[in-house]
């Protein structure tokens, strides 16, 4: 790939990762509530979920899903249900515990302990894996930057997908650090943490409903 096209690919990937969505919301929410460490673990979970879509697309699994209305519908409803579940957990969280988590910051053992961080990672992972729109995004975006004459297109797709995910990881880590920095310096954020949980929960439910209403791609 010519260097100018590679730079264009990297720039487009960074801009796309800067766009707020379920992934960014998940990272920012945890960083605001529990500090940069929890936000970074959330970012790693999101990134790990992207690896699943990249490898699946490289071997043709995502293409099969895009061509199968049944496969798309099943994954769509599972993903939508999971997003709604995450949203409802935030909406129904106890106010006291939410404020305690926010005030505890990075030293909160209930959130940033080994089990707590594992849960944050796994939920971020499944938030991404169970979203078929992520798989379709890779199928639509990455091939545009693969030259027609490339002999091993799956390998080219895999390498570009890994590069995209690598760049996206630094953007997501940046979201985590920025949100944690804001939480440490804005006391109103900590005092209003339960309202942030409610807002984030409503947005997750909205993302889930939007995903549920997404039509399968036309073959």
Protein backbone atom coordinates (compact mmCIF):
# COMPACT_ATOMS: atom_id res chain seq x y z
CA UNK A 1 0.00 0.00 0.00
CA UNK A 2 1.38 3.47 -0.89
CA UNK A 3 2.36 5.49 2.15
CA UNK A 4 -0.22 8.21 1.46
CA UNK A 5 -3.02 5.64 1.32
CA UNK A 6 -1.76 3.99 4.50
CA UNK A 7 -1.74 7.34 6.30
CA UNK A 8 -5.27 8.00 5.03
CA UNK A 9 -6.37 4.63 6.39
CA UNK A 10 -4.82 5.37 9.79
CA UNK A 11 -6.31 8.88 9.95
CA UNK A 12 -9.78 7.61 9.02
CA UNK A 13 -9.50 4.90 11.67
CA UNK A 14 -8.57 7.40 14.39
CA UNK A 15 -11.45 9.69 13.46
CA UNK A 16 -13.90 6.79 13.47
CA UNK A 17 -12.69 5.69 16.92
CA UNK A 18 -13.15 9.23 18.22
CA UNK A 19 -16.85 9.06 17.33
CA UNK A 20 -18.92 8.40 20.48
CA UNK A 21 -20.81 5.11 20.52
CA UNK A 22 -21.48 2.18 22.88
CA UNK A 23 -17.75 1.42 23.15
CA UNK A 24 -16.73 4.98 24.05
CA UNK A 25 -19.65 5.30 26.45
CA UNK A 26 -18.64 2.07 28.21
CA UNK A 27 -15.04 3.25 28.63
CA UNK A 28 -15.91 6.76 29.77
CA UNK A 29 -18.52 5.56 32.25
CA UNK A 30 -16.07 3.26 34.01
CA UNK A 31 -13.30 5.86 33.98
CA UNK A 32 -15.59 8.47 35.53
CA UNK A 33 -16.86 6.12 38.19
CA UNK A 34 -13.70 4.21 39.07
CA UNK A 35 -10.68 6.00 37.64
CA UNK A 36 -8.29 5.60 34.72
CA UNK A 37 -7.36 2.03 35.59
CA UNK A 38 -10.91 0.75 35.22
CA UNK A 39 -11.37 2.81 32.05
CA UNK A 40 -8.21 1.35 30.53
CA UNK A 41 -9.32 -2.19 31.34
CA UNK A 42 -12.66 -1.41 29.69
CA UNK A 43 -10.74 -0.18 26.62
CA UNK A 44 -8.73 -3.41 26.54
CA UNK A 45 -11.95 -5.42 26.67
CA UNK A 46 -13.40 -3.44 23.77
CA UNK A 47 -10.18 -3.94 21.79
CA UNK A 48 -10.19 -7.69 22.48
CA UNK A 49 -13.74 -7.86 21.15
CA UNK A 50 -12.63 -6.16 17.94
CA UNK A 51 -10.00 -8.87 17.42
CA UNK A 52 -12.81 -11.43 17.20
CA UNK A 53 -14.51 -9.49 14.39
CA UNK A 54 -11.23 -8.90 12.55
CA UNK A 55 -10.24 -12.57 12.51
CA UNK A 56 -13.80 -13.65 11.67
CA UNK A 57 -13.95 -11.23 8.75
CA UNK A 58 -10.52 -12.34 7.52
CA UNK A 59 -11.64 -15.98 7.29
CA UNK A 60 -15.03 -15.12 5.80
CA UNK A 61 -17.27 -15.75 8.81
CA UNK A 62 -18.48 -12.15 8.90
CA UNK A 63 -19.17 -12.23 5.17
CA UNK A 64 -21.30 -15.32 5.71
CA UNK A 65 -23.17 -13.56 8.50
CA UNK A 66 -23.73 -10.53 6.28
CA UNK A 67 -25.22 -12.77 3.61
CA UNK A 68 -27.40 -14.71 6.04
CA UNK A 69 -30.41 -12.82 7.36
CA UNK A 70 -30.96 -15.49 10.02
CA UNK A 71 -27.42 -15.34 11.39
CA UNK A 72 -27.50 -11.55 11.41
CA UNK A 73 -30.88 -11.48 13.16
CA UNK A 74 -29.82 -13.93 15.89
CA UNK A 75 -26.63 -12.03 16.70
CA UNK A 76 -28.47 -8.72 16.45
CA UNK A 77 -31.05 -9.69 19.05
CA UNK A 78 -28.46 -11.19 21.37
CA UNK A 79 -26.37 -8.02 21.11
CA UNK A 80 -29.39 -5.76 21.58
CA UNK A 81 -30.48 -7.72 24.65
CA UNK A 82 -27.00 -7.44 26.14
CA UNK A 83 -26.84 -3.67 25.61
CA UNK A 84 -30.26 -3.25 27.20
CA UNK A 85 -29.13 -5.47 30.11
CA UNK A 86 -26.06 -3.28 30.70
CA UNK A 87 -28.25 -0.17 30.52
CA UNK A 88 -30.79 -1.53 33.00
CA UNK A 89 -28.04 -2.42 35.46
CA UNK A 90 -26.91 1.21 35.41
CA UNK A 91 -30.46 2.55 35.64
CA UNK A 92 -31.33 0.31 38.59
CA UNK A 93 -28.01 0.70 40.44
CA UNK A 94 -28.37 1.92 44.03
CA UNK A 95 -27.57 5.59 44.37
CA UNK A 96 -25.39 5.09 47.43
CA UNK A 97 -23.22 2.44 45.86
CA UNK A 98 -22.85 4.41 42.65
CA UNK A 99 -21.67 7.48 44.57
CA UNK A 100 -19.33 5.38 46.68
CA UNK A 101 -17.74 3.89 43.58
CA UNK A 102 -17.24 7.30 42.08
CA UNK A 103 -15.77 8.77 45.26
CA UNK A 104 -13.43 5.84 45.79
CA UNK A 105 -11.62 6.48 42.51
CA UNK A 106 -8.77 4.18 41.51
CA UNK A 107 -8.31 2.85 45.04
CA UNK A 108 -11.76 1.24 45.11
CA UNK A 109 -11.07 -2.46 45.68
CA UNK A 110 -14.66 -3.39 44.85
CA UNK A 111 -14.20 -2.08 41.33
CA UNK A 112 -10.50 -2.20 40.59
CA UNK A 113 -9.71 -5.44 42.40
CA UNK A 114 -8.87 -8.49 40.33
CA UNK A 115 -12.45 -9.75 40.11
CA UNK A 116 -13.86 -6.29 39.49
CA UNK A 117 -11.43 -5.53 36.66
CA UNK A 118 -12.06 -8.95 35.13
CA UNK A 119 -15.78 -8.18 35.05
CA UNK A 120 -15.15 -4.78 33.46
CA UNK A 121 -12.94 -6.42 30.80
CA UNK A 122 -15.38 -9.22 29.98
CA UNK A 123 -18.39 -6.91 29.73
CA UNK A 124 -16.47 -4.65 27.38
CA UNK A 125 -15.44 -7.69 25.35
CA UNK A 126 -19.01 -8.97 24.97
CA UNK A 127 -20.39 -5.48 24.30
CA UNK A 128 -18.26 -5.48 21.15
CA UNK A 129 -18.45 -9.15 20.13
CA UNK A 130 -22.24 -9.27 20.28
CA UNK A 131 -22.67 -6.25 18.01
CA UNK A 132 -22.99 -7.41 14.37
CA UNK A 133 -22.66 -3.81 13.19
CA UNK A 134 -18.99 -3.95 14.19
CA UNK A 135 -18.43 -6.96 11.93
CA UNK A 136 -20.24 -5.27 9.05
CA UNK A 137 -18.19 -2.13 9.61
CA UNK A 138 -14.94 -4.02 9.11
CA UNK A 139 -16.33 -5.70 5.99
CA UNK A 140 -17.34 -2.33 4.54
CA UNK A 141 -14.37 -0.19 5.62
CA UNK A 142 -11.18 -2.24 5.38
CA UNK A 143 -11.58 -3.69 1.84
CA UNK A 144 -11.62 -0.15 0.41
CA UNK A 145 -7.89 0.07 1.19
CA UNK A 146 -6.88 -3.29 -0.28
CA UNK A 147 -5.47 -3.02 -3.80
CA UNK A 148 -7.28 -5.21 -6.37
CA UNK A 149 -4.01 -6.88 -7.39
CA UNK A 150 -3.12 -8.16 -3.91
CA UNK A 151 -2.70 -11.94 -4.07
CA UNK A 152 -3.45 -12.77 -0.43
CA UNK A 153 -6.46 -10.60 0.36
CA UNK A 154 -7.34 -12.33 3.67
CA UNK A 155 -3.82 -11.62 4.97
CA UNK A 156 -4.01 -8.00 3.79
CA UNK A 157 -7.41 -7.65 5.49
CA UNK A 158 -6.02 -9.15 8.69
CA UNK A 159 -3.00 -6.83 8.77
CA UNK A 160 -5.07 -3.72 8.10
CA UNK A 161 -7.64 -4.80 10.69
CA UNK A 162 -4.92 -5.28 13.30
CA UNK A 163 -3.48 -1.86 12.47
CA UNK A 164 -6.93 -0.30 12.81
CA UNK A 165 -7.43 -1.99 16.18
CA UNK A 166 -3.97 -0.98 17.39
CA UNK A 167 -4.65 2.68 16.58
CA UNK A 168 -8.11 2.42 18.10
CA UNK A 169 -6.65 1.09 21.35
CA UNK A 170 -4.66 4.30 21.91
CA UNK A 171 -7.74 6.40 21.19
CA UNK A 172 -9.79 4.37 23.67
CA UNK A 173 -7.06 4.62 26.30
CA UNK A 174 -7.09 8.37 25.71
CA UNK A 175 -10.85 8.45 26.38
CA UNK A 176 -10.23 6.61 29.68
CA UNK A 177 -7.44 8.95 30.83
CA UNK A 178 -9.37 12.08 29.82
CA UNK A 179 -12.54 10.96 31.63
CA UNK A 180 -10.60 10.03 34.77
CA UNK A 181 -8.78 13.38 34.70
CA UNK A 182 -12.12 15.17 34.47
CA UNK A 183 -13.55 13.17 37.36
CA UNK A 184 -10.60 14.00 39.63
CA UNK A 185 -10.81 17.72 38.93
CA UNK A 186 -14.54 18.26 38.83
CA UNK A 187 -16.18 17.56 42.16
CA UNK A 188 -19.60 17.99 40.62
CA UNK A 189 -18.93 14.89 38.52
CA UNK A 190 -18.37 12.81 41.64
CA UNK A 191 -21.39 14.28 43.42
CA UNK A 192 -23.58 13.61 40.38
CA UNK A 193 -22.28 10.11 39.66
CA UNK A 194 -25.67 8.49 40.20
CA UNK A 195 -27.16 10.78 37.55
CA UNK A 196 -24.35 9.90 35.17
CA UNK A 197 -25.18 6.24 35.74
CA UNK A 198 -28.80 6.93 34.86
CA UNK A 199 -27.87 8.87 31.73
CA UNK A 200 -25.39 6.21 30.62
CA UNK A 201 -27.95 3.48 31.33
CA UNK A 202 -30.59 5.23 29.24
CA UNK A 203 -28.08 5.62 26.39
CA UNK A 204 -27.15 1.93 26.51
CA UNK A 205 -30.83 0.99 26.38
CA UNK A 206 -31.19 3.36 23.43
CA UNK A 207 -28.24 1.76 21.64
CA UNK A 208 -29.79 -1.65 22.24
CA UNK A 209 -33.15 -0.58 20.83
CA UNK A 210 -31.44 1.01 17.83
CA UNK A 211 -29.53 -2.21 17.18
CA UNK A 212 -32.73 -4.26 17.50
CA UNK A 213 -34.36 -2.10 14.83
CA UNK A 214 -31.43 -2.45 12.44
CA UNK A 215 -32.39 -4.26 9.24
CA UNK A 216 -30.28 -7.12 7.95
CA UNK A 217 -28.00 -6.15 5.04
CA UNK A 218 -29.26 -7.03 1.60
CA UNK A 219 -27.40 -9.90 -0.03
